[in-house]
């Protein structure tokens, strides 16, 4: 609500302060004033998730999953910094879904802007428990951004395979 009031004050030139409060008579009247509509809050969506590579570091016993991530603010207001988290599901692990340990910081986004990054997640081999896995990203995983739709933050799942030893 504060965002709407602030935007309204900026557009109309009305000021907000205790000495000069906004009263109903201060609001615009006349043709077009009823057509004003509220601006939609930010909405973060994972628009793209592509597997770039899956490699094994034998010495460190680490699996590296490199992905291309595109997260877009489809809302009408700027959003602040948020976190994206990665998840895997391995059939050899009984189909259990697990969050990877590293999260990705997503910069503040203007309306319509996208955050694009090739990112490498590094996890212990034991996290994968088999050769095949599915992988996905959740935007705004910590709910740092008040969004117009909190249910559309998960990407589609992609499938990968851990290289043999």
Protein backbone atom coordinates (compact mmCIF):
# COMPACT_ATOMS: atom_id res chain seq x y z
CA UNK A 1 0.00 0.00 0.00
CA UNK A 2 2.85 2.37 0.79
CA UNK A 3 4.23 1.85 -2.70
CA UNK A 4 0.92 2.84 -4.27
CA UNK A 5 0.59 5.95 -2.13
CA UNK A 6 4.20 6.98 -2.78
CA UNK A 7 3.76 6.46 -6.53
CA UNK A 8 0.52 8.42 -6.46
CA UNK A 9 2.21 11.29 -4.61
CA UNK A 10 5.09 11.32 -7.06
CA UNK A 11 2.77 11.35 -10.08
CA UNK A 12 0.42 14.01 -8.72
CA UNK A 13 3.05 16.10 -6.96
CA UNK A 14 1.33 15.77 -3.59
CA UNK A 15 3.64 15.64 -0.58
CA UNK A 16 3.43 13.36 2.41
CA UNK A 17 4.27 14.89 5.76
CA UNK A 18 2.64 15.48 9.12
CA UNK A 19 2.29 19.25 8.59
CA UNK A 20 0.58 18.89 5.20
CA UNK A 21 -1.42 15.61 5.13
CA UNK A 22 -3.19 14.44 1.99
CA UNK A 23 -6.96 14.89 2.28
CA UNK A 24 -9.67 13.47 -0.01
CA UNK A 25 -10.17 16.94 -1.50
CA UNK A 26 -6.50 16.95 -2.61
CA UNK A 27 -7.01 13.98 -4.92
CA UNK A 28 -7.37 14.66 -8.67
CA UNK A 29 -10.83 14.97 -10.15
CA UNK A 30 -12.16 15.13 -13.64
CA UNK A 31 -11.84 13.05 -16.80
CA UNK A 32 -9.37 10.21 -16.54
CA UNK A 33 -8.93 10.34 -12.77
CA UNK A 34 -11.10 7.23 -12.28
CA UNK A 35 -8.94 5.31 -14.75
CA UNK A 36 -5.90 5.31 -12.46
CA UNK A 37 -4.96 1.77 -11.58
CA UNK A 38 -2.57 0.45 -8.97
CA UNK A 39 0.85 -0.68 -10.11
CA UNK A 40 1.53 -4.43 -9.80
CA UNK A 41 4.23 -5.42 -7.29
CA UNK A 42 7.40 -7.17 -8.49
CA UNK A 43 7.12 -10.77 -9.67
CA UNK A 44 10.28 -12.85 -10.04
CA UNK A 45 10.22 -15.79 -12.44
CA UNK A 46 12.94 -18.15 -13.62
CA UNK A 47 12.54 -17.69 -17.36
CA UNK A 48 15.46 -19.91 -18.35
CA UNK A 49 17.53 -22.67 -16.81
CA UNK A 50 19.96 -24.49 -19.10
CA UNK A 51 22.56 -27.07 -18.22
CA UNK A 52 26.01 -25.96 -19.41
CA UNK A 53 28.16 -28.75 -17.96
CA UNK A 54 28.50 -31.37 -15.25
CA UNK A 55 32.06 -32.23 -14.23
CA UNK A 56 33.71 -34.30 -11.55
CA UNK A 57 36.73 -33.20 -9.51
CA UNK A 58 38.18 -36.57 -8.44
CA UNK A 59 40.76 -35.13 -6.05
CA UNK A 60 38.26 -32.98 -4.14
CA UNK A 61 35.35 -35.48 -4.53
CA UNK A 62 33.23 -32.63 -5.85
CA UNK A 63 30.60 -32.50 -8.62
CA UNK A 64 30.32 -29.16 -10.42
CA UNK A 65 27.01 -28.33 -12.10
CA UNK A 66 27.26 -25.27 -14.35
CA UNK A 67 23.98 -23.70 -15.46
CA UNK A 68 22.73 -20.64 -17.29
CA UNK A 69 20.07 -18.88 -15.21
CA UNK A 70 17.73 -16.07 -16.31
CA UNK A 71 15.46 -14.57 -13.63
CA UNK A 72 13.09 -11.81 -14.75
CA UNK A 73 11.04 -9.24 -12.82
CA UNK A 74 7.70 -9.45 -14.64
CA UNK A 75 6.03 -7.02 -12.21
CA UNK A 76 5.63 -3.27 -12.57
CA UNK A 77 7.78 -2.16 -9.62
CA UNK A 78 11.51 -2.50 -8.92
CA UNK A 79 12.45 -5.30 -6.55
CA UNK A 80 15.32 -5.48 -4.11
CA UNK A 81 18.12 -8.01 -3.86
CA UNK A 82 17.02 -11.63 -3.40
CA UNK A 83 18.43 -15.15 -3.25
CA UNK A 84 17.97 -18.05 -5.63
CA UNK A 85 18.50 -21.60 -4.41
CA UNK A 86 19.21 -24.79 -6.30
CA UNK A 87 17.67 -28.21 -5.70
CA UNK A 88 18.44 -31.74 -6.90
CA UNK A 89 16.57 -35.00 -6.95
CA UNK A 90 18.43 -38.28 -7.55
CA UNK A 91 16.55 -41.51 -8.32
CA UNK A 92 19.36 -43.45 -6.61
CA UNK A 93 18.63 -41.47 -3.44
CA UNK A 94 15.06 -42.71 -3.21
CA UNK A 95 13.75 -39.69 -5.11
CA UNK A 96 14.39 -37.35 -2.19
CA UNK A 97 14.57 -33.63 -3.08
CA UNK A 98 17.45 -31.74 -1.50
CA UNK A 99 18.58 -28.14 -1.45
CA UNK A 100 22.18 -27.54 -2.48
CA UNK A 101 24.34 -25.71 0.04
CA UNK A 102 25.20 -22.60 -2.01
CA UNK A 103 22.65 -19.93 -2.86
CA UNK A 104 22.97 -17.30 -5.56
CA UNK A 105 22.51 -13.57 -4.90
CA UNK A 106 20.20 -11.96 -7.46
CA UNK A 107 20.68 -8.21 -7.88
CA UNK A 108 17.82 -5.71 -7.61
CA UNK A 109 15.77 -5.66 -10.82
CA UNK A 110 13.77 -2.95 -12.53
CA UNK A 111 10.40 -3.90 -14.05
CA UNK A 112 10.98 -6.08 -17.14
CA UNK A 113 14.71 -6.50 -16.39
CA UNK A 114 16.47 -9.85 -16.15
CA UNK A 115 19.34 -11.20 -14.12
CA UNK A 116 21.41 -13.53 -16.31
CA UNK A 117 24.34 -15.54 -15.04
CA UNK A 118 26.28 -18.70 -15.76
CA UNK A 119 26.78 -20.13 -12.29
CA UNK A 120 28.65 -23.18 -11.02
CA UNK A 121 27.25 -25.07 -8.06
CA UNK A 122 29.87 -27.23 -6.33
CA UNK A 123 28.64 -30.08 -4.17
CA UNK A 124 30.09 -33.19 -2.59
CA UNK A 125 29.78 -36.34 -4.73
CA UNK A 126 27.72 -37.87 -1.96
CA UNK A 127 24.97 -35.30 -2.63
CA UNK A 128 24.28 -36.90 -6.01
CA UNK A 129 24.15 -40.61 -4.99
CA UNK A 130 24.07 -41.90 -8.54
CA UNK A 131 24.64 -40.87 -12.09
CA UNK A 132 21.34 -39.20 -13.01
CA UNK A 133 19.70 -36.25 -11.32
CA UNK A 134 17.11 -33.54 -11.91
CA UNK A 135 17.98 -29.94 -11.06
CA UNK A 136 15.93 -26.79 -10.62
CA UNK A 137 16.15 -23.25 -9.27
CA UNK A 138 13.80 -21.32 -7.02
CA UNK A 139 13.84 -17.52 -7.38
CA UNK A 140 13.34 -15.44 -4.25
CA UNK A 141 13.82 -18.58 -2.16
CA UNK A 142 13.98 -16.62 1.11
CA UNK A 143 10.90 -14.52 0.27
CA UNK A 144 12.91 -11.29 0.47
CA UNK A 145 10.70 -9.69 -2.21
CA UNK A 146 6.97 -9.11 -1.70
CA UNK A 147 5.68 -10.40 -5.03
CA UNK A 148 2.35 -10.28 -6.82
CA UNK A 149 2.62 -14.06 -7.31
CA UNK A 150 4.65 -16.15 -4.84
CA UNK A 151 3.70 -19.46 -6.52
CA UNK A 152 5.63 -19.11 -9.80
CA UNK A 153 9.22 -18.97 -8.52
CA UNK A 154 10.36 -22.50 -9.47
CA UNK A 155 12.05 -23.17 -12.78
CA UNK A 156 11.32 -26.16 -14.92
CA UNK A 157 13.44 -29.17 -14.02
CA UNK A 158 16.39 -30.13 -16.13
CA UNK A 159 18.10 -33.51 -16.14
CA UNK A 160 21.80 -34.15 -15.87
CA UNK A 161 24.19 -37.03 -15.47
CA UNK A 162 27.30 -37.20 -13.33
CA UNK A 163 30.31 -38.30 -15.41
CA UNK A 164 31.62 -41.77 -14.55
CA UNK A 165 34.83 -42.18 -12.59
